[in-house]
C-alpha cells in the first residue's frame, strides 16, 4: 500500500478509502490489501492509449485475464 501511495502521489488513507468505496482495484490476502501490478499496468496503458486520465474505478473487478 505504501508503494502504491507513493506511485500515485497520494496518502495510504486515500487509497484505503477508495478501495473501501470500490473505486480502486485491490485484493485481500489474509487480511492484507494488495494492489495488483497488472491493474496498475492496465491503468497506465489505458491512460497512454487515450492520452487522457482514466478512472481507477473502471478497473475494479476486471480480473487478471
N, C-alpha and C. Protein backbone atom coordinates (compact mmCIF):
# COMPACT_ATOMS: atom_id res chain seq x y z
N UNK A 1 0.82 -1.19 0.00
CA UNK A 1 0.00 0.00 0.00
C UNK A 1 0.87 1.26 0.00
N UNK A 2 1.93 1.23 0.78
CA UNK A 2 2.82 2.40 0.84
C UNK A 2 3.44 2.69 -0.52
N UNK A 3 3.86 1.64 -1.21
CA UNK A 3 4.47 1.80 -2.53
C UNK A 3 3.47 2.38 -3.53
N UNK A 4 2.25 1.87 -3.50
CA UNK A 4 1.22 2.38 -4.41
C UNK A 4 0.89 3.84 -4.09
N UNK A 5 0.81 4.17 -2.82
CA UNK A 5 0.52 5.55 -2.43
C UNK A 5 1.61 6.49 -2.95
N UNK A 6 2.86 6.07 -2.84
CA UNK A 6 3.95 6.89 -3.37
C UNK A 6 3.84 7.00 -4.89
N UNK A 7 3.54 5.90 -5.56
CA UNK A 7 3.45 5.88 -7.01
C UNK A 7 2.35 6.83 -7.51
N UNK A 8 1.22 6.84 -6.81
CA UNK A 8 0.10 7.69 -7.22
C UNK A 8 0.12 9.06 -6.54
N UNK A 9 1.17 9.31 -5.78
CA UNK A 9 1.36 10.58 -5.07
C UNK A 9 0.12 10.96 -4.25
N UNK A 10 -0.30 10.01 -3.45
CA UNK A 10 -1.44 10.23 -2.56
C UNK A 10 -1.14 9.56 -1.23
N UNK A 11 -2.00 9.72 -0.28
CA UNK A 11 -1.78 9.08 1.02
C UNK A 11 -2.32 7.65 1.01
N UNK A 12 -1.80 6.85 1.91
CA UNK A 12 -2.31 5.49 2.05
C UNK A 12 -3.78 5.52 2.45
N UNK A 13 -4.16 6.47 3.29
CA UNK A 13 -5.54 6.56 3.73
C UNK A 13 -6.47 6.84 2.55
N UNK A 14 -6.04 7.67 1.62
CA UNK A 14 -6.84 7.94 0.43
C UNK A 14 -7.07 6.66 -0.36
N UNK A 15 -6.01 5.86 -0.52
CA UNK A 15 -6.15 4.58 -1.23
C UNK A 15 -7.07 3.63 -0.47
N UNK A 16 -6.91 3.54 0.84
CA UNK A 16 -7.78 2.67 1.64
C UNK A 16 -9.25 3.06 1.46
N UNK A 17 -9.52 4.36 1.48
CA UNK A 17 -10.90 4.83 1.32
C UNK A 17 -11.43 4.50 -0.08
N UNK A 18 -10.61 4.71 -1.09
CA UNK A 18 -11.03 4.41 -2.47
C UNK A 18 -11.31 2.92 -2.63
N UNK A 19 -10.49 2.09 -2.02
CA UNK A 19 -10.70 0.63 -2.08
C UNK A 19 -11.99 0.27 -1.36
N UNK A 20 -12.21 0.85 -0.19
CA UNK A 20 -13.43 0.56 0.58
C UNK A 20 -14.68 0.99 -0.17
N UNK A 21 -14.57 2.06 -0.98
CA UNK A 21 -15.69 2.57 -1.77
C UNK A 21 -15.79 1.89 -3.14
N UNK A 22 -14.96 0.84 -3.34
CA UNK A 22 -14.93 0.10 -4.61
C UNK A 22 -14.57 1.01 -5.78
N UNK A 23 -13.67 1.96 -5.53
CA UNK A 23 -13.24 2.90 -6.55
C UNK A 23 -11.79 2.69 -6.98
N UNK A 24 -11.15 1.66 -6.41
CA UNK A 24 -9.76 1.37 -6.75
C UNK A 24 -9.56 -0.13 -6.62
N UNK A 25 -8.88 -0.77 -7.58
CA UNK A 25 -8.73 -2.23 -7.56
C UNK A 25 -7.76 -2.71 -6.48
N UNK A 26 -8.16 -3.75 -5.77
CA UNK A 26 -7.30 -4.37 -4.76
C UNK A 26 -7.83 -5.76 -4.46
N UNK A 27 -6.95 -6.59 -3.93
CA UNK A 27 -7.36 -7.91 -3.46
C UNK A 27 -6.93 -8.03 -2.00
N UNK A 28 -7.69 -8.80 -1.26
CA UNK A 28 -7.35 -9.01 0.14
C UNK A 28 -6.77 -10.40 0.28
N UNK A 29 -5.57 -10.47 0.83
CA UNK A 29 -4.90 -11.74 1.08
C UNK A 29 -4.56 -11.80 2.56
N UNK A 30 -5.24 -12.72 3.25
CA UNK A 30 -5.05 -12.88 4.70
C UNK A 30 -5.13 -11.56 5.45
N UNK A 31 -6.11 -10.77 5.10
CA UNK A 31 -6.35 -9.51 5.80
C UNK A 31 -5.54 -8.33 5.27
N UNK A 32 -4.62 -8.59 4.36
CA UNK A 32 -3.77 -7.53 3.82
C UNK A 32 -4.28 -7.13 2.44
N UNK A 33 -4.39 -5.83 2.21
CA UNK A 33 -4.82 -5.34 0.90
C UNK A 33 -3.63 -5.23 -0.03
N UNK A 34 -3.78 -5.80 -1.22
CA UNK A 34 -2.73 -5.78 -2.22
C UNK A 34 -3.30 -5.13 -3.49
N UNK A 35 -2.54 -4.23 -4.08
CA UNK A 35 -2.93 -3.64 -5.35
C UNK A 35 -2.17 -4.39 -6.43
N UNK A 36 -2.89 -5.13 -7.27
CA UNK A 36 -2.22 -5.94 -8.29
C UNK A 36 -1.46 -5.08 -9.30
N UNK A 37 -0.23 -5.48 -9.60
CA UNK A 37 0.59 -4.74 -10.57
C UNK A 37 -0.09 -4.69 -11.93
N UNK A 38 -0.79 -5.77 -12.30
CA UNK A 38 -1.46 -5.80 -13.60
C UNK A 38 -2.52 -4.70 -13.71
N UNK A 39 -3.20 -4.40 -12.60
CA UNK A 39 -4.21 -3.34 -12.61
C UNK A 39 -3.55 -1.99 -12.86
N UNK A 40 -2.43 -1.76 -12.20
CA UNK A 40 -1.70 -0.50 -12.39
C UNK A 40 -1.20 -0.41 -13.83
N UNK A 41 -0.65 -1.51 -14.35
CA UNK A 41 -0.16 -1.51 -15.73
C UNK A 41 -1.28 -1.22 -16.72
N UNK A 42 -2.44 -1.80 -16.49
CA UNK A 42 -3.58 -1.56 -17.40
C UNK A 42 -4.06 -0.12 -17.32
N UNK A 43 -4.03 0.47 -16.13
CA UNK A 43 -4.42 1.87 -16.00
C UNK A 43 -3.45 2.76 -16.78
N UNK A 44 -2.17 2.46 -16.67
CA UNK A 44 -1.16 3.24 -17.39
C UNK A 44 -1.34 3.09 -18.89
N UNK A 45 -1.51 1.87 -19.35
CA UNK A 45 -1.72 1.63 -20.79
C UNK A 45 -2.95 2.36 -21.31
N UNK A 46 -4.03 2.31 -20.54
CA UNK A 46 -5.27 2.99 -20.96
C UNK A 46 -5.08 4.50 -21.01
N UNK A 47 -4.39 5.04 -20.02
CA UNK A 47 -4.15 6.49 -19.99
C UNK A 47 -3.28 6.91 -21.16
N UNK A 48 -2.24 6.14 -21.43
CA UNK A 48 -1.36 6.47 -22.55
C UNK A 48 -2.07 6.28 -23.89
N UNK A 49 -2.89 5.23 -23.99
CA UNK A 49 -3.61 4.96 -25.23
C UNK A 49 -4.64 6.02 -25.56
N UNK A 50 -5.28 6.56 -24.54
CA UNK A 50 -6.30 7.58 -24.77
C UNK A 50 -5.76 8.99 -24.62
N UNK A 51 -4.51 9.08 -24.17
CA UNK A 51 -3.87 10.37 -23.94
C UNK A 51 -4.71 11.25 -23.00
N UNK A 52 -5.30 10.58 -21.99
CA UNK A 52 -6.09 11.32 -21.02
C UNK A 52 -6.12 10.54 -19.70
N UNK A 53 -6.71 11.13 -18.71
CA UNK A 53 -6.83 10.48 -17.41
C UNK A 53 -7.83 9.33 -17.49
N UNK A 54 -7.63 8.32 -16.65
CA UNK A 54 -8.56 7.21 -16.57
C UNK A 54 -9.14 7.16 -15.16
N UNK A 55 -10.29 6.54 -15.05
CA UNK A 55 -10.94 6.38 -13.76
C UNK A 55 -10.56 5.01 -13.21
N UNK A 56 -9.88 4.97 -12.07
CA UNK A 56 -9.45 3.70 -11.48
C UNK A 56 -10.63 2.77 -11.22
N UNK A 57 -11.79 3.33 -10.97
CA UNK A 57 -12.97 2.50 -10.69
C UNK A 57 -13.33 1.62 -11.89
N UNK A 58 -12.92 2.03 -13.08
CA UNK A 58 -13.18 1.23 -14.27
C UNK A 58 -12.38 -0.07 -14.27
N UNK A 59 -11.40 -0.17 -13.40
CA UNK A 59 -10.53 -1.34 -13.35
C UNK A 59 -10.81 -2.23 -12.16
N UNK A 60 -11.83 -1.92 -11.39
CA UNK A 60 -12.23 -2.73 -10.24
C UNK A 60 -12.98 -3.96 -10.73
N UNK A 61 -12.57 -5.13 -10.24
CA UNK A 61 -13.27 -6.36 -10.56
C UNK A 61 -13.06 -6.85 -11.98
N UNK A 62 -12.04 -6.34 -12.63
CA UNK A 62 -11.80 -6.66 -14.03
C UNK A 62 -11.23 -8.05 -14.23
N UNK A 63 -10.46 -8.55 -13.27
CA UNK A 63 -9.82 -9.86 -13.43
C UNK A 63 -8.49 -9.72 -14.12
N UNK A 64 -7.66 -10.71 -13.96
CA UNK A 64 -6.29 -10.64 -14.49
C UNK A 64 -6.20 -11.05 -15.94
N UNK A 65 -7.16 -11.80 -16.46
CA UNK A 65 -7.05 -12.29 -17.84
C UNK A 65 -7.76 -11.38 -18.82
